[in-house]
Amino acid sequence: MVPLEHAIEVARVLENVVISLDRIGSREACGDADVHTFDQFLKEWWVGPRLSHVRVLMWEAIANAIGAEAVEEIAEAVPRFPDPVPEEVRRFVAERNARWAAYDESP
């Protein structure tokens, strides 16, 4: 089980990164931001190290449940950039696009 304080920390980091990326994307769409804005966010907000930290918290909790060896196998099987876009991402995009299309067609 993930300790509550770890779960909250993970959720806060994910909330920060996801909402910030959404805001940067919106600003880019309006011409108010560019790749430098994205880079500034990554550097100033220490996005990589913070995500790495919460990844460790999650893997530790998973390892406590299923064992370190199983975690290593799972982690090794995860696709990484610049690998080709994995099927799970393609499926997610297709499902999300279908939901958006259905929403756009609703009265």
Protein backbone atom coordinates (compact mmCIF):
# COMPACT_ATOMS: atom_id res chain seq x y z
CA MET A 1 0.00 0.00 0.00
CA VAL A 2 1.18 3.50 -0.82
CA PRO A 3 1.49 5.66 2.30
CA LEU A 4 -1.00 8.53 2.15
CA GLU A 5 1.70 11.20 2.26
CA HIS A 6 3.42 9.58 -0.74
CA ALA A 7 0.16 9.34 -2.66
CA ILE A 8 -0.51 13.02 -1.98
CA GLU A 9 3.00 13.96 -3.08
CA VAL A 10 2.63 11.99 -6.31
CA ALA A 11 -0.79 13.52 -6.98
CA ARG A 12 0.49 17.05 -6.34
CA VAL A 13 3.45 16.65 -8.69
CA LEU A 14 1.25 15.14 -11.40
CA GLU A 15 -1.33 17.91 -10.95
CA ASN A 16 1.38 20.56 -11.23
CA VAL A 17 2.95 19.07 -14.34
CA VAL A 18 -0.26 18.19 -16.17
CA ILE A 19 -1.96 21.54 -15.57
CA SER A 20 1.22 23.48 -16.35
CA LEU A 21 1.72 21.57 -19.62
CA ASP A 22 -1.90 22.25 -20.54
CA ARG A 23 -1.44 25.96 -19.86
CA ILE A 24 1.79 26.07 -21.87
CA GLY A 25 0.04 24.28 -24.74
CA SER A 26 -2.82 26.76 -24.65
CA ARG A 27 -0.39 29.67 -24.67
CA GLU A 28 1.48 28.11 -27.61
CA ALA A 29 -1.78 27.76 -29.53
CA CYS A 30 -2.42 31.49 -29.00
CA GLY A 31 1.13 32.43 -29.97
CA ASP A 32 2.02 33.56 -26.44
CA ALA A 33 4.55 30.79 -25.78
CA ASP A 34 7.04 28.64 -27.62
CA VAL A 35 9.52 25.84 -27.03
CA HIS A 36 11.53 28.16 -24.79
CA THR A 37 8.53 28.48 -22.47
CA PHE A 38 8.36 24.71 -22.23
CA ASP A 39 12.10 24.49 -21.61
CA GLN A 40 11.86 27.22 -18.95
CA PHE A 41 9.14 25.27 -17.15
CA LEU A 42 11.14 22.04 -17.25
CA LYS A 43 14.26 23.70 -15.86
CA GLU A 44 12.87 26.19 -13.34
CA TRP A 45 10.30 23.82 -11.87
CA TRP A 46 12.73 20.85 -11.84
CA VAL A 47 10.19 18.71 -13.66
CA GLY A 48 12.54 15.82 -14.48
CA PRO A 49 13.92 15.35 -10.96
CA ARG A 50 10.48 15.76 -9.37
CA LEU A 51 8.91 13.19 -11.70
CA SER A 52 11.85 10.88 -11.05
CA HIS A 53 11.29 11.20 -7.30
CA VAL A 54 7.59 10.35 -7.45
CA ARG A 55 8.37 7.49 -9.84
CA VAL A 56 10.63 6.05 -7.13
CA LEU A 57 7.84 6.38 -4.56
CA MET A 58 5.43 4.50 -6.80
CA TRP A 59 7.88 1.77 -7.78
CA GLU A 60 8.75 1.23 -4.10
CA ALA A 61 5.08 0.79 -3.26
CA ILE A 62 4.60 -1.60 -6.17
CA ALA A 63 7.75 -3.52 -5.22
CA ASN A 64 6.38 -3.94 -1.69
CA ALA A 65 3.29 -5.58 -3.21
CA ILE A 66 4.80 -7.74 -5.97
CA GLY A 67 8.55 -7.81 -5.34
CA ALA A 68 11.54 -5.95 -6.73
CA GLU A 69 12.23 -8.52 -9.46
CA ALA A 70 8.73 -8.17 -10.90
CA VAL A 71 9.08 -4.37 -10.82
CA GLU A 72 12.35 -4.60 -12.75
CA GLU A 73 10.66 -6.74 -15.41
CA ILE A 74 7.77 -4.29 -15.72
CA ALA A 75 10.07 -1.27 -15.87
CA GLU A 76 12.30 -2.87 -18.51
CA ALA A 77 9.27 -3.52 -20.73
CA VAL A 78 8.16 0.14 -20.72
CA PRO A 79 8.79 1.89 -24.07
CA ARG A 80 10.96 4.99 -23.93
CA PHE A 81 11.44 7.92 -26.26
CA PRO A 82 12.79 7.83 -28.98
CA ASP A 83 11.29 4.33 -29.39
CA PRO A 84 8.31 4.23 -31.76
CA VAL A 85 5.04 5.35 -30.21
CA PRO A 86 3.73 2.27 -28.37
CA GLU A 87 0.37 0.65 -29.07
CA GLU A 88 -0.96 1.64 -25.64
CA VAL A 89 -0.46 5.32 -26.55
CA ARG A 90 -2.03 4.86 -29.99
CA ARG A 91 -5.03 3.15 -28.36
CA PHE A 92 -5.36 5.96 -25.78
CA VAL A 93 -5.30 8.60 -28.53
CA ALA A 94 -7.89 6.72 -30.61
CA GLU A 95 -10.22 6.32 -27.61
CA ARG A 96 -9.84 9.96 -26.62
CA ASN A 97 -10.45 11.15 -30.18
CA ALA A 98 -13.58 8.99 -30.35
CA ARG A 99 -14.89 10.55 -27.11
CA TRP A 100 -14.15 14.05 -28.42
CA ALA A 101 -15.89 13.27 -31.71
CA ALA A 102 -18.94 11.96 -29.87
CA TYR A 103 -18.98 15.07 -27.69
CA ASP A 104 -18.68 17.35 -30.75
CA GLU A 105 -21.63 15.57 -32.40
CA SER A 106 -23.89 15.82 -29.36
CA PRO A 107 -26.70 18.40 -29.47
